[in-house]
Amino acid sequence: MASIEFSPELRPGVASGEITLTYRLWQRARVKVGGRYLTSGVEIEVDDVELVPFSTVTPEDVARCGEVDVEALRHRTAHAGPVTDDTLVHRIEFHLVG
């Protein structure tokens, strides 16, 4: 089974089911809807994958990602390059399996 990585400080939130959304700066999607992935010692299933401009992030999205604010989310998403409001990022909704 494939895996998806989360930063160490986010792993407990993913494992508890509190975090259900992530944004990734990928050239192409590395996950697919319905796919199951191991992470943080648990299994998640992807519910939705969209390519969206970063400017579409809402306060609810920030909370679902486990971040304190949109700038913290932008910083985490930018690990692979700069993220401006116009940058296209993958918005990935998921849920804990089991």
C-alpha atoms as a PDB file:
ATOM      1  CA  MET A   1       0.000   0.000   0.000  1.00  0.00           C
ATOM      2  CA  ALA A   2       1.245   3.487  -0.861  1.00  0.00           C
ATOM      3  CA  SER A   3       1.872   6.095   1.782  1.00  0.00           C
ATOM      4  CA  ILE A   4       1.506   9.850   2.193  1.00  0.00           C
ATOM      5  CA  GLU A   5       3.666  11.860   4.580  1.00  0.00           C
ATOM      6  CA  PHE A   6       2.620  14.531   7.048  1.00  0.00           C
ATOM      7  CA  SER A   7       4.834  16.762   9.170  1.00  0.00           C
ATOM      8  CA  PRO A   8       5.557  15.291  12.621  1.00  0.00           C
ATOM      9  CA  GLU A   9       3.458  17.892  14.447  1.00  0.00           C
ATOM     10  CA  LEU A  10       0.403  17.087  12.263  1.00  0.00           C
ATOM     11  CA  ARG A  11       0.595  13.301  12.591  1.00  0.00           C
ATOM     12  CA  PRO A  12      -1.419  13.020  15.840  1.00  0.00           C
ATOM     13  CA  GLY A  13      -4.255  15.072  14.289  1.00  0.00           C
ATOM     14  CA  VAL A  14      -4.286  12.858  11.195  1.00  0.00           C
ATOM     15  CA  ALA A  15      -4.204   9.692  13.319  1.00  0.00           C
ATOM     16  CA  SER A  16      -7.114  10.921  15.482  1.00  0.00           C
ATOM     17  CA  GLY A  17      -9.232  11.924  12.465  1.00  0.00           C
ATOM     18  CA  GLU A  18      -9.160  15.607  13.483  1.00  0.00           C
ATOM     19  CA  ILE A  19      -7.209  16.596  10.343  1.00  0.00           C
ATOM     20  CA  THR A  20      -9.170  15.742   7.177  1.00  0.00           C
ATOM     21  CA  LEU A  21      -7.687  18.066   4.552  1.00  0.00           C
ATOM     22  CA  THR A  22      -4.261  18.813   3.123  1.00  0.00           C
ATOM     23  CA  TYR A  23      -2.858  21.023   0.386  1.00  0.00           C
ATOM     24  CA  ARG A  24       0.106  19.873  -1.698  1.00  0.00           C
ATOM     25  CA  LEU A  25       2.305  21.670  -4.211  1.00  0.00           C
ATOM     26  CA  TRP A  26       2.760  18.808  -6.682  1.00  0.00           C
ATOM     27  CA  GLN A  27       3.374  18.831 -10.423  1.00  0.00           C
ATOM     28  CA  ARG A  28       0.673  16.151 -10.679  1.00  0.00           C
ATOM     29  CA  ALA A  29      -1.601  14.455  -8.174  1.00  0.00           C
ATOM     30  CA  ARG A  30       0.128  11.640  -6.292  1.00  0.00           C
ATOM     31  CA  VAL A  31      -3.101  10.323  -4.782  1.00  0.00           C
ATOM     32  CA  LYS A  32      -6.458   9.415  -6.289  1.00  0.00           C
ATOM     33  CA  VAL A  33     -10.060   9.525  -5.107  1.00  0.00           C
ATOM     34  CA  GLY A  34     -10.881   6.252  -3.380  1.00  0.00           C
ATOM     35  CA  GLY A  35      -7.215   5.454  -2.859  1.00  0.00           C
ATOM     36  CA  ARG A  36      -6.092   4.272   0.562  1.00  0.00           C
ATOM     37  CA  TYR A  37      -2.762   5.374   1.984  1.00  0.00           C
ATOM     38  CA  LEU A  38      -0.761   4.601   5.090  1.00  0.00           C
ATOM     39  CA  THR A  39       0.305   7.534   7.229  1.00  0.00           C
ATOM     40  CA  SER A  40       1.141   8.125  10.850  1.00  0.00           C
ATOM     41  CA  GLY A  41       0.447   4.480  11.663  1.00  0.00           C
ATOM     42  CA  VAL A  42      -3.113   4.658  10.308  1.00  0.00           C
ATOM     43  CA  GLU A  43      -4.914   4.271   6.996  1.00  0.00           C
ATOM     44  CA  ILE A  44      -6.681   7.166   5.255  1.00  0.00           C
ATOM     45  CA  GLU A  45      -8.932   7.161   2.195  1.00  0.00           C
ATOM     46  CA  VAL A  46      -9.004  10.076  -0.246  1.00  0.00           C
ATOM     47  CA  ASP A  47     -12.485  11.547  -0.796  1.00  0.00           C
ATOM     48  CA  ASP A  48     -11.668  14.361  -3.236  1.00  0.00           C
ATOM     49  CA  VAL A  49      -8.699  15.824  -5.132  1.00  0.00           C
ATOM     50  CA  GLU A  50      -8.912  19.234  -6.804  1.00  0.00           C
ATOM     51  CA  LEU A  51      -6.339  21.517  -8.398  1.00  0.00           C
ATOM     52  CA  VAL A  52      -7.174  25.008  -7.090  1.00  0.00           C
ATOM     53  CA  PRO A  53      -5.511  28.403  -6.682  1.00  0.00           C
ATOM     54  CA  PHE A  54      -4.212  28.890  -3.134  1.00  0.00           C
ATOM     55  CA  SER A  55      -6.435  31.981  -2.842  1.00  0.00           C
ATOM     56  CA  THR A  56      -9.485  29.686  -2.528  1.00  0.00           C
ATOM     57  CA  VAL A  57      -8.391  28.454   0.931  1.00  0.00           C
ATOM     58  CA  THR A  58     -11.086  29.258   3.514  1.00  0.00           C
ATOM     59  CA  PRO A  59     -10.799  29.611   7.304  1.00  0.00           C
ATOM     60  CA  GLU A  60     -12.624  26.260   7.592  1.00  0.00           C
ATOM     61  CA  ASP A  61      -9.998  24.690   5.306  1.00  0.00           C
ATOM     62  CA  VAL A  62      -7.199  26.057   7.507  1.00  0.00           C
ATOM     63  CA  ALA A  63      -8.801  24.477  10.588  1.00  0.00           C
ATOM     64  CA  ARG A  64      -9.355  21.134   8.810  1.00  0.00           C
ATOM     65  CA  CYS A  65      -5.631  21.151   7.897  1.00  0.00           C
ATOM     66  CA  GLY A  66      -4.644  21.597  11.541  1.00  0.00           C
ATOM     67  CA  GLU A  67      -3.043  24.994  10.959  1.00  0.00           C
ATOM     68  CA  VAL A  68      -3.372  28.180  13.026  1.00  0.00           C
ATOM     69  CA  ASP A  69      -3.838  30.517  10.047  1.00  0.00           C
ATOM     70  CA  VAL A  70      -3.627  30.730   6.258  1.00  0.00           C
ATOM     71  CA  GLU A  71      -0.004  31.922   6.339  1.00  0.00           C
ATOM     72  CA  ALA A  72       1.045  28.857   8.345  1.00  0.00           C
ATOM     73  CA  LEU A  73      -0.703  26.681   5.753  1.00  0.00           C
ATOM     74  CA  ARG A  74       0.974  28.611   2.915  1.00  0.00           C
ATOM     75  CA  HIS A  75       4.377  28.102   4.555  1.00  0.00           C
ATOM     76  CA  ARG A  76       3.834  24.353   5.013  1.00  0.00           C
ATOM     77  CA  THR A  77       2.512  23.972   1.440  1.00  0.00           C
ATOM     78  CA  ALA A  78       5.544  25.861   0.090  1.00  0.00           C
ATOM     79  CA  HIS A  79       8.071  23.181   1.058  1.00  0.00           C
ATOM     80  CA  ALA A  80       8.430  22.386  -2.668  1.00  0.00           C
ATOM     81  CA  GLY A  81       8.512  25.992  -3.898  1.00  0.00           C
ATOM     82  CA  PRO A  82       6.922  29.406  -3.378  1.00  0.00           C
ATOM     83  CA  VAL A  83       3.145  29.617  -2.990  1.00  0.00           C
ATOM     84  CA  THR A  84       1.356  32.830  -3.952  1.00  0.00           C
ATOM     85  CA  ASP A  85      -2.410  33.348  -4.050  1.00  0.00           C
ATOM     86  CA  ASP A  86      -2.350  32.380  -7.755  1.00  0.00           C
ATOM     87  CA  THR A  87      -0.298  29.193  -7.279  1.00  0.00           C
ATOM     88  CA  LEU A  88      -2.212  26.046  -8.212  1.00  0.00           C
ATOM     89  CA  VAL A  89      -2.143  23.478  -5.409  1.00  0.00           C
ATOM     90  CA  HIS A  90      -3.797  20.102  -4.880  1.00  0.00           C
ATOM     91  CA  ARG A  91      -6.615  20.239  -2.311  1.00  0.00           C
ATOM     92  CA  ILE A  92      -7.001  16.731  -0.878  1.00  0.00           C
ATOM     93  CA  GLU A  93      -9.920  15.734   1.347  1.00  0.00           C
ATOM     94  CA  PHE A  94      -9.625  12.456   3.218  1.00  0.00           C
ATOM     95  CA  HIS A  95     -10.980  10.493   6.137  1.00  0.00           C
ATOM     96  CA  LEU A  96      -9.581   8.000   8.591  1.00  0.00           C
ATOM     97  CA  VAL A  97     -10.351   4.366   7.763  1.00  0.00           C
ATOM     98  CA  GLY A  98     -11.499   2.141  10.600  1.00  0.00           C
END
